[in-house]
């Protein structure tokens, strides 16, 4: 068996063993990794590993710095839907690159993975903020982890995540050969990834369901709280954080498509 295949499966098992992934998340991660390896070989896997390891390490470092665990629907272990929401569109872009050889799909791969990294870093680093997040549209103060909230250090983290993946993409693949698509490929990817994170924030503020506990009256994104069903107070019941993450990564692809005509 190819050593890369063995490595992918081993990393998934270890991620499950050390509670970075649920069992379903580990299966999804293997599928995403195989698609990326098919399309972009080791370079693609290294970028995927950079996203996953950096996000996991930052999450472990910032864990416990806020009341966010009472707010968010899911815990720190990524399940099937979370893995697909963050890695599904990058995997599709990688697959299309492998099939067509069209360099646009390589740019789309880096940008969508950069958007996932940007969003994750923003959320995790934003936990460290001493002040409350503010609503991206109204400016009112929110709880940590509440959809549509932004912080200054979280925004810095988002820019750092975008730059991190964009720079690695630059190092692993000679982006200068993409001049027929863009004269400034690094800037193109960085902007698309960073704006994908902002699309996530706006979608979270406008569309994502927010609930109130009927027992403790606390705000939450959980469907069950204090053992009872929660009450929808904002957004759409069917739109959760996984859907918003799909918007984040897919919108980065859209930004790449638009920006290539300007950069």
C-alpha atoms as a PDB file:
ATOM      1  CA  UNK A   1       0.000   0.000   0.000  1.00  0.00           C
ATOM      2  CA  UNK A   2       1.259   3.503  -0.851  1.00  0.00           C
ATOM      3  CA  UNK A   3       2.946   5.106   2.173  1.00  0.00           C
ATOM      4  CA  UNK A   4       0.852   8.266   1.648  1.00  0.00           C
ATOM      5  CA  UNK A   5      -2.374   6.259   1.932  1.00  0.00           C
ATOM      6  CA  UNK A   6      -1.084   4.656   5.124  1.00  0.00           C
ATOM      7  CA  UNK A   7      -0.097   8.083   6.445  1.00  0.00           C
ATOM      8  CA  UNK A   8      -3.555   9.546   5.753  1.00  0.00           C
ATOM      9  CA  UNK A   9      -5.293   6.713   7.566  1.00  0.00           C
ATOM     10  CA  UNK A  10      -2.814   6.842  10.465  1.00  0.00           C
ATOM     11  CA  UNK A  11      -3.294  10.595  10.937  1.00  0.00           C
ATOM     12  CA  UNK A  12      -7.074  10.123  10.956  1.00  0.00           C
ATOM     13  CA  UNK A  13      -6.804   7.371  13.574  1.00  0.00           C
ATOM     14  CA  UNK A  14      -4.502   9.490  15.766  1.00  0.00           C
ATOM     15  CA  UNK A  15      -6.804  12.511  15.387  1.00  0.00           C
ATOM     16  CA  UNK A  16      -9.706  10.364  16.572  1.00  0.00           C
ATOM     17  CA  UNK A  17      -7.587   8.888  19.363  1.00  0.00           C
ATOM     18  CA  UNK A  18      -6.597  12.330  20.663  1.00  0.00           C
ATOM     19  CA  UNK A  19     -10.160  13.695  20.297  1.00  0.00           C
ATOM     20  CA  UNK A  20      -9.521  16.171  17.490  1.00  0.00           C
ATOM     21  CA  UNK A  21     -12.080  14.273  15.359  1.00  0.00           C
ATOM     22  CA  UNK A  22     -15.117  12.132  16.035  1.00  0.00           C
ATOM     23  CA  UNK A  23     -15.307   8.746  14.342  1.00  0.00           C
ATOM     24  CA  UNK A  24     -17.475  10.159  11.539  1.00  0.00           C
ATOM     25  CA  UNK A  25     -15.103  13.129  11.281  1.00  0.00           C
ATOM     26  CA  UNK A  26     -12.165  10.771  10.839  1.00  0.00           C
ATOM     27  CA  UNK A  27     -13.936   8.991   7.960  1.00  0.00           C
ATOM     28  CA  UNK A  28     -14.724  12.337   6.317  1.00  0.00           C
ATOM     29  CA  UNK A  29     -11.134  13.529   6.788  1.00  0.00           C
ATOM     30  CA  UNK A  30      -9.814  10.429   5.014  1.00  0.00           C
ATOM     31  CA  UNK A  31     -12.137  11.037   2.051  1.00  0.00           C
ATOM     32  CA  UNK A  32     -11.189  14.730   1.838  1.00  0.00           C
ATOM     33  CA  UNK A  33      -7.483  13.889   2.059  1.00  0.00           C
ATOM     34  CA  UNK A  34      -7.729  11.233  -0.681  1.00  0.00           C
ATOM     35  CA  UNK A  35      -9.451  13.671  -3.056  1.00  0.00           C
ATOM     36  CA  UNK A  36      -6.842  16.338  -2.398  1.00  0.00           C
ATOM     37  CA  UNK A  37      -4.002  13.851  -2.854  1.00  0.00           C
ATOM     38  CA  UNK A  38      -5.489  12.710  -6.164  1.00  0.00           C
ATOM     39  CA  UNK A  39      -5.693  16.257  -7.456  1.00  0.00           C
ATOM     40  CA  UNK A  40      -2.660  17.957  -5.956  1.00  0.00           C
ATOM     41  CA  UNK A  41      -0.376  15.222  -4.626  1.00  0.00           C
ATOM     42  CA  UNK A  42       1.737  15.929  -1.533  1.00  0.00           C
ATOM     43  CA  UNK A  43       1.594  19.707  -1.890  1.00  0.00           C
ATOM     44  CA  UNK A  44      -2.164  19.641  -1.397  1.00  0.00           C
ATOM     45  CA  UNK A  45      -1.891  17.321   1.600  1.00  0.00           C
ATOM     46  CA  UNK A  46       0.693  19.591   3.207  1.00  0.00           C
ATOM     47  CA  UNK A  47      -1.666  22.551   2.909  1.00  0.00           C
ATOM     48  CA  UNK A  48      -4.515  20.490   4.364  1.00  0.00           C
ATOM     49  CA  UNK A  49      -2.251  19.382   7.227  1.00  0.00           C
ATOM     50  CA  UNK A  50      -1.237  23.002   7.843  1.00  0.00           C
ATOM     51  CA  UNK A  51      -4.887  24.008   8.191  1.00  0.00           C
ATOM     52  CA  UNK A  52      -5.827  21.108  10.442  1.00  0.00           C
ATOM     53  CA  UNK A  53      -2.769  21.153  12.730  1.00  0.00           C
ATOM     54  CA  UNK A  54      -2.635  24.925  13.145  1.00  0.00           C
ATOM     55  CA  UNK A  55      -6.378  25.139  13.861  1.00  0.00           C
ATOM     56  CA  UNK A  56      -6.249  22.241  16.337  1.00  0.00           C
ATOM     57  CA  UNK A  57      -3.222  23.615  18.199  1.00  0.00           C
ATOM     58  CA  UNK A  58      -4.669  27.132  18.420  1.00  0.00           C
ATOM     59  CA  UNK A  59      -7.989  25.675  19.589  1.00  0.00           C
ATOM     60  CA  UNK A  60      -6.277  23.676  22.342  1.00  0.00           C
ATOM     61  CA  UNK A  61      -4.302  26.755  23.396  1.00  0.00           C
ATOM     62  CA  UNK A  62      -7.355  29.025  23.661  1.00  0.00           C
ATOM     63  CA  UNK A  63      -9.737  26.431  25.103  1.00  0.00           C
ATOM     64  CA  UNK A  64     -11.457  27.534  28.300  1.00  0.00           C
ATOM     65  CA  UNK A  65     -10.909  31.259  27.819  1.00  0.00           C
ATOM     66  CA  UNK A  66     -14.599  32.103  27.471  1.00  0.00           C
ATOM     67  CA  UNK A  67     -18.176  30.994  27.973  1.00  0.00           C
ATOM     68  CA  UNK A  68     -18.303  29.836  24.349  1.00  0.00           C
ATOM     69  CA  UNK A  69     -18.887  26.147  25.127  1.00  0.00           C
ATOM     70  CA  UNK A  70     -22.308  27.073  26.504  1.00  0.00           C
ATOM     71  CA  UNK A  71     -23.091  28.907  23.284  1.00  0.00           C
ATOM     72  CA  UNK A  72     -21.901  26.721  20.400  1.00  0.00           C
ATOM     73  CA  UNK A  73     -23.866  23.750  19.146  1.00  0.00           C
ATOM     74  CA  UNK A  74     -20.905  21.373  18.900  1.00  0.00           C
ATOM     75  CA  UNK A  75     -17.737  20.747  20.901  1.00  0.00           C
ATOM     76  CA  UNK A  76     -14.080  20.901  19.930  1.00  0.00           C
ATOM     77  CA  UNK A  77     -14.081  17.509  18.180  1.00  0.00           C
ATOM     78  CA  UNK A  78     -14.908  17.939  14.489  1.00  0.00           C
ATOM     79  CA  UNK A  79     -17.599  15.592  13.182  1.00  0.00           C
ATOM     80  CA  UNK A  80     -18.449  14.539   9.615  1.00  0.00           C
ATOM     81  CA  UNK A  81     -20.439  17.653   8.728  1.00  0.00           C
ATOM     82  CA  UNK A  82     -17.820  20.004  10.191  1.00  0.00           C
ATOM     83  CA  UNK A  83     -15.005  18.348   8.222  1.00  0.00           C
ATOM     84  CA  UNK A  84     -17.018  18.486   4.990  1.00  0.00           C
ATOM     85  CA  UNK A  85     -18.022  22.117   5.603  1.00  0.00           C
ATOM     86  CA  UNK A  86     -14.379  23.142   5.948  1.00  0.00           C
ATOM     87  CA  UNK A  87     -12.682  20.694   3.591  1.00  0.00           C
ATOM     88  CA  UNK A  88     -15.357  19.683   1.087  1.00  0.00           C
ATOM     89  CA  UNK A  89     -15.031  22.607  -1.334  1.00  0.00           C
ATOM     90  CA  UNK A  90     -11.214  22.576  -1.236  1.00  0.00           C
ATOM     91  CA  UNK A  91     -11.383  18.846  -1.995  1.00  0.00           C
ATOM     92  CA  UNK A  92     -13.719  19.418  -4.961  1.00  0.00           C
ATOM     93  CA  UNK A  93     -11.408  22.146  -6.287  1.00  0.00           C
ATOM     94  CA  UNK A  94      -8.419  19.806  -5.953  1.00  0.00           C
ATOM     95  CA  UNK A  95     -10.302  17.021  -7.725  1.00  0.00           C
ATOM     96  CA  UNK A  96     -11.246  19.335 -10.601  1.00  0.00           C
ATOM     97  CA  UNK A  97      -7.641  20.470 -10.885  1.00  0.00           C
ATOM     98  CA  UNK A  98      -6.506  16.848 -11.125  1.00  0.00           C
ATOM     99  CA  UNK A  99      -9.076  16.120 -13.836  1.00  0.00           C
ATOM    100  CA  UNK A 100      -8.761  19.289 -15.914  1.00  0.00           C
ATOM    101  CA  UNK A 101      -5.309  20.677 -15.139  1.00  0.00           C
ATOM    102  CA  UNK A 102      -6.903  24.145 -15.064  1.00  0.00           C
ATOM    103  CA  UNK A 103      -4.811  26.322 -12.743  1.00  0.00           C
ATOM    104  CA  UNK A 104      -7.897  28.261 -11.675  1.00  0.00           C
ATOM    105  CA  UNK A 105      -8.907  25.272  -9.563  1.00  0.00           C
ATOM    106  CA  UNK A 106      -5.549  25.326  -7.767  1.00  0.00           C
ATOM    107  CA  UNK A 107      -6.145  28.956  -6.843  1.00  0.00           C
ATOM    108  CA  UNK A 108      -9.664  28.016  -5.746  1.00  0.00           C
ATOM    109  CA  UNK A 109      -8.262  25.210  -3.599  1.00  0.00           C
ATOM    110  CA  UNK A 110      -5.847  27.473  -1.742  1.00  0.00           C
ATOM    111  CA  UNK A 111      -8.415  30.267  -1.346  1.00  0.00           C
ATOM    112  CA  UNK A 112     -11.185  28.025   0.016  1.00  0.00           C
ATOM    113  CA  UNK A 113      -8.789  26.293   2.416  1.00  0.00           C
ATOM    114  CA  UNK A 114      -7.433  29.712   3.359  1.00  0.00           C
ATOM    115  CA  UNK A 115     -10.971  30.896   4.112  1.00  0.00           C
ATOM    116  CA  UNK A 116     -11.527  27.880   6.384  1.00  0.00           C
ATOM    117  CA  UNK A 117      -8.243  28.643   8.157  1.00  0.00           C
ATOM    118  CA  UNK A 118      -9.075  32.344   8.414  1.00  0.00           C
ATOM    119  CA  UNK A 119     -12.498  31.615   9.913  1.00  0.00           C
ATOM    120  CA  UNK A 120     -11.160  29.039  12.368  1.00  0.00           C
ATOM    121  CA  UNK A 121      -8.288  31.220  13.527  1.00  0.00           C
ATOM    122  CA  UNK A 122     -10.662  34.171  13.936  1.00  0.00           C
ATOM    123  CA  UNK A 123     -13.006  32.121  16.125  1.00  0.00           C
ATOM    124  CA  UNK A 124     -10.283  30.511  18.225  1.00  0.00           C
ATOM    125  CA  UNK A 125      -8.105  33.600  18.723  1.00  0.00           C
ATOM    126  CA  UNK A 126     -11.213  35.713  19.294  1.00  0.00           C
ATOM    127  CA  UNK A 127     -11.801  33.685  22.454  1.00  0.00           C
ATOM    128  CA  UNK A 128      -8.815  35.508  23.963  1.00  0.00           C
ATOM    129  CA  UNK A 129     -10.448  38.918  23.603  1.00  0.00           C
ATOM    130  CA  UNK A 130     -10.927  40.672  26.922  1.00  0.00           C
ATOM    131  CA  UNK A 131     -13.870  42.598  25.540  1.00  0.00           C
ATOM    132  CA  UNK A 132     -17.132  41.185  24.237  1.00  0.00           C
ATOM    133  CA  UNK A 133     -17.485  40.546  20.495  1.00  0.00           C
ATOM    134  CA  UNK A 134     -19.625  43.037  18.602  1.00  0.00           C
ATOM    135  CA  UNK A 135     -22.293  42.242  16.014  1.00  0.00           C
ATOM    136  CA  UNK A 136     -20.826  42.686  12.538  1.00  0.00           C
ATOM    137  CA  UNK A 137     -23.878  44.673  11.381  1.00  0.00           C
ATOM    138  CA  UNK A 138     -25.277  46.479  14.423  1.00  0.00           C
ATOM    139  CA  UNK A 139     -22.224  46.864  16.657  1.00  0.00           C
ATOM    140  CA  UNK A 140     -24.075  45.623  19.754  1.00  0.00           C
ATOM    141  CA  UNK A 141     -22.166  43.427  22.191  1.00  0.00           C
ATOM    142  CA  UNK A 142     -22.574  39.648  21.987  1.00  0.00           C
ATOM    143  CA  UNK A 143     -21.459  36.592  23.918  1.00  0.00           C
ATOM    144  CA  UNK A 144     -18.292  34.835  22.830  1.00  0.00           C
ATOM    145  CA  UNK A 145     -19.149  32.273  20.181  1.00  0.00           C
ATOM    146  CA  UNK A 146     -22.437  33.916  19.216  1.00  0.00           C
ATOM    147  CA  UNK A 147     -22.990  33.988  15.446  1.00  0.00           C
ATOM    148  CA  UNK A 148     -22.175  37.230  13.663  1.00  0.00           C
ATOM    149  CA  UNK A 149     -19.767  38.451  16.354  1.00  0.00           C
ATOM    150  CA  UNK A 150     -16.316  39.872  15.626  1.00  0.00           C
ATOM    151  CA  UNK A 151     -13.377  41.042  17.762  1.00  0.00           C
ATOM    152  CA  UNK A 152     -10.251  43.004  16.913  1.00  0.00           C
ATOM    153  CA  UNK A 153      -7.842  40.198  17.757  1.00  0.00           C
ATOM    154  CA  UNK A 154     -10.113  37.710  16.008  1.00  0.00           C
ATOM    155  CA  UNK A 155      -9.944  39.811  12.847  1.00  0.00           C
ATOM    156  CA  UNK A 156      -6.148  39.942  13.136  1.00  0.00           C
ATOM    157  CA  UNK A 157      -6.215  36.168  13.517  1.00  0.00           C
ATOM    158  CA  UNK A 158      -8.383  35.881  10.407  1.00  0.00           C
ATOM    159  CA  UNK A 159      -5.872  37.888   8.386  1.00  0.00           C
ATOM    160  CA  UNK A 160      -3.056  35.772   9.804  1.00  0.00           C
ATOM    161  CA  UNK A 161      -4.802  32.538   8.820  1.00  0.00           C
ATOM    162  CA  UNK A 162      -5.389  33.806   5.289  1.00  0.00           C
ATOM    163  CA  UNK A 163      -1.764  34.897   4.946  1.00  0.00           C
ATOM    164  CA  UNK A 164      -0.473  31.631   6.439  1.00  0.00           C
ATOM    165  CA  UNK A 165      -2.185  29.379   3.886  1.00  0.00           C
ATOM    166  CA  UNK A 166      -1.565  31.798   0.994  1.00  0.00           C
ATOM    167  CA  UNK A 167       2.156  31.931   1.803  1.00  0.00           C
ATOM    168  CA  UNK A 168       2.391  28.146   2.034  1.00  0.00           C
ATOM    169  CA  UNK A 169       0.595  27.843  -1.287  1.00  0.00           C
ATOM    170  CA  UNK A 170       3.163  30.235  -2.742  1.00  0.00           C
ATOM    171  CA  UNK A 171       6.061  28.152  -1.402  1.00  0.00           C
ATOM    172  CA  UNK A 172       4.655  24.769  -2.424  1.00  0.00           C
ATOM    173  CA  UNK A 173       3.589  25.787  -5.913  1.00  0.00           C
ATOM    174  CA  UNK A 174       5.214  28.311  -8.218  1.00  0.00           C
ATOM    175  CA  UNK A 175       2.367  30.799  -8.377  1.00  0.00           C
ATOM    176  CA  UNK A 176       4.245  32.907 -10.910  1.00  0.00           C
ATOM    177  CA  UNK A 177       3.267  30.418 -13.631  1.00  0.00           C
ATOM    178  CA  UNK A 178      -0.352  31.362 -12.975  1.00  0.00           C
ATOM    179  CA  UNK A 179       0.191  34.783 -14.587  1.00  0.00           C
ATOM    180  CA  UNK A 180      -2.314  33.983 -17.386  1.00  0.00           C
ATOM    181  CA  UNK A 181      -4.988  33.834 -14.654  1.00  0.00           C
ATOM    182  CA  UNK A 182      -3.730  36.598 -12.385  1.00  0.00           C
ATOM    183  CA  UNK A 183      -0.773  38.994 -12.336  1.00  0.00           C
ATOM    184  CA  UNK A 184      -0.913  39.031  -8.531  1.00  0.00           C
ATOM    185  CA  UNK A 185      -1.862  35.475  -7.502  1.00  0.00           C
ATOM    186  CA  UNK A 186      -0.742  35.828  -3.878  1.00  0.00           C
ATOM    187  CA  UNK A 187      -2.848  38.972  -3.385  1.00  0.00           C
ATOM    188  CA  UNK A 188      -5.748  37.309  -5.175  1.00  0.00           C
ATOM    189  CA  UNK A 189      -5.705  34.294  -2.859  1.00  0.00           C
ATOM    190  CA  UNK A 190      -5.158  36.354   0.302  1.00  0.00           C
ATOM    191  CA  UNK A 191      -8.101  38.664  -0.408  1.00  0.00           C
ATOM    192  CA  UNK A 192     -10.426  35.842  -1.456  1.00  0.00           C
ATOM    193  CA  UNK A 193      -9.630  33.832   1.680  1.00  0.00           C
ATOM    194  CA  UNK A 194      -9.981  36.826   4.019  1.00  0.00           C
ATOM    195  CA  UNK A 195     -13.251  37.957   2.442  1.00  0.00           C
ATOM    196  CA  UNK A 196     -14.564  34.394   2.647  1.00  0.00           C
ATOM    197  CA  UNK A 197     -14.223  34.709   6.413  1.00  0.00           C
ATOM    198  CA  UNK A 198     -16.220  37.946   6.311  1.00  0.00           C
ATOM    199  CA  UNK A 199     -18.903  36.225   4.253  1.00  0.00           C
ATOM    200  CA  UNK A 200     -19.050  33.714   7.106  1.00  0.00           C
ATOM    201  CA  UNK A 201     -19.557  36.516   9.638  1.00  0.00           C
ATOM    202  CA  UNK A 202     -22.329  38.170   7.646  1.00  0.00           C
ATOM    203  CA  UNK A 203     -24.077  34.837   7.007  1.00  0.00           C
ATOM    204  CA  UNK A 204     -23.846  34.065  10.719  1.00  0.00           C
ATOM    205  CA  UNK A 205     -25.312  37.447  11.595  1.00  0.00           C
ATOM    206  CA  UNK A 206     -28.213  37.312   9.130  1.00  0.00           C
ATOM    207  CA  UNK A 207     -29.038  33.674   8.417  1.00  0.00           C
ATOM    208  CA  UNK A 208     -27.783  31.392  11.185  1.00  0.00           C
ATOM    209  CA  UNK A 209     -30.323  30.238  13.726  1.00  0.00           C
ATOM    210  CA  UNK A 210     -29.991  31.569  17.255  1.00  0.00           C
ATOM    211  CA  UNK A 211     -32.050  30.180  20.122  1.00  0.00           C
ATOM    212  CA  UNK A 212     -33.100  30.935  23.698  1.00  0.00           C
ATOM    213  CA  UNK A 213     -33.293  28.359  26.455  1.00  0.00           C
ATOM    214  CA  UNK A 214     -36.807  28.090  27.846  1.00  0.00           C
ATOM    215  CA  UNK A 215     -35.410  27.148  31.276  1.00  0.00           C
ATOM    216  CA  UNK A 216     -32.447  29.438  31.963  1.00  0.00           C
ATOM    217  CA  UNK A 217     -33.373  32.045  29.325  1.00  0.00           C
ATOM    218  CA  UNK A 218     -29.789  32.046  28.072  1.00  0.00           C
ATOM    219  CA  UNK A 219     -28.826  32.613  24.433  1.00  0.00           C
ATOM    220  CA  UNK A 220     -27.450  29.568  22.655  1.00  0.00           C
ATOM    221  CA  UNK A 221     -27.058  27.885  19.273  1.00  0.00           C
ATOM    222  CA  UNK A 222     -27.932  24.501  20.741  1.00  0.00           C
ATOM    223  CA  UNK A 223     -31.258  22.870  19.885  1.00  0.00           C
ATOM    224  CA  UNK A 224     -31.445  21.310  23.363  1.00  0.00           C
ATOM    225  CA  UNK A 225     -30.425  23.222  26.494  1.00  0.00           C
ATOM    226  CA  UNK A 226     -31.102  22.410  30.157  1.00  0.00           C
ATOM    227  CA  UNK A 227     -32.766  19.228  28.882  1.00  0.00           C
ATOM    228  CA  UNK A 228     -35.456  21.095  26.897  1.00  0.00           C
ATOM    229  CA  UNK A 229     -35.916  22.244  23.297  1.00  0.00           C
ATOM    230  CA  UNK A 230     -34.791  25.813  22.726  1.00  0.00           C
ATOM    231  CA  UNK A 231     -36.819  28.618  21.112  1.00  0.00           C
ATOM    232  CA  UNK A 232     -35.758  30.183  17.803  1.00  0.00           C
ATOM    233  CA  UNK A 233     -35.223  33.952  18.222  1.00  0.00           C
ATOM    234  CA  UNK A 234     -33.199  34.856  15.105  1.00  0.00           C
ATOM    235  CA  UNK A 235     -32.305  33.524  11.685  1.00  0.00           C
ATOM    236  CA  UNK A 236     -33.400  30.228  10.180  1.00  0.00           C
ATOM    237  CA  UNK A 237     -33.691  27.018  12.130  1.00  0.00           C
ATOM    238  CA  UNK A 238     -32.098  24.981   9.330  1.00  0.00           C
ATOM    239  CA  UNK A 239     -29.008  27.216   9.072  1.00  0.00           C
ATOM    240  CA  UNK A 240     -26.360  26.146  11.555  1.00  0.00           C
ATOM    241  CA  UNK A 241     -22.624  26.791  11.773  1.00  0.00           C
ATOM    242  CA  UNK A 242     -21.820  24.000   9.297  1.00  0.00           C
ATOM    243  CA  UNK A 243     -23.973  25.658   6.625  1.00  0.00           C
ATOM    244  CA  UNK A 244     -22.299  28.987   7.343  1.00  0.00           C
ATOM    245  CA  UNK A 245     -18.875  27.335   6.973  1.00  0.00           C
ATOM    246  CA  UNK A 246     -19.941  26.020   3.566  1.00  0.00           C
ATOM    247  CA  UNK A 247     -20.783  29.620   2.633  1.00  0.00           C
ATOM    248  CA  UNK A 248     -17.362  30.701   3.881  1.00  0.00           C
ATOM    249  CA  UNK A 249     -15.305  28.230   1.822  1.00  0.00           C
ATOM    250  CA  UNK A 250     -17.496  28.348  -1.287  1.00  0.00           C
ATOM    251  CA  UNK A 251     -17.628  32.145  -1.325  1.00  0.00           C
ATOM    252  CA  UNK A 252     -13.814  32.228  -1.449  1.00  0.00           C
ATOM    253  CA  UNK A 253     -14.026  30.320  -4.737  1.00  0.00           C
ATOM    254  CA  UNK A 254     -16.510  32.904  -5.988  1.00  0.00           C
ATOM    255  CA  UNK A 255     -14.200  35.753  -4.982  1.00  0.00           C
ATOM    256  CA  UNK A 256     -11.324  34.079  -6.866  1.00  0.00           C
ATOM    257  CA  UNK A 257     -13.482  33.879  -9.979  1.00  0.00           C
ATOM    258  CA  UNK A 258     -14.434  37.567  -9.759  1.00  0.00           C
ATOM    259  CA  UNK A 259     -11.058  38.956  -8.686  1.00  0.00           C
ATOM    260  CA  UNK A 260      -9.086  37.240 -11.464  1.00  0.00           C
ATOM    261  CA  UNK A 261     -10.500  39.872 -13.824  1.00  0.00           C
ATOM    262  CA  UNK A 262      -9.104  42.697 -11.661  1.00  0.00           C
ATOM    263  CA  UNK A 263      -5.786  41.288 -10.453  1.00  0.00           C
END
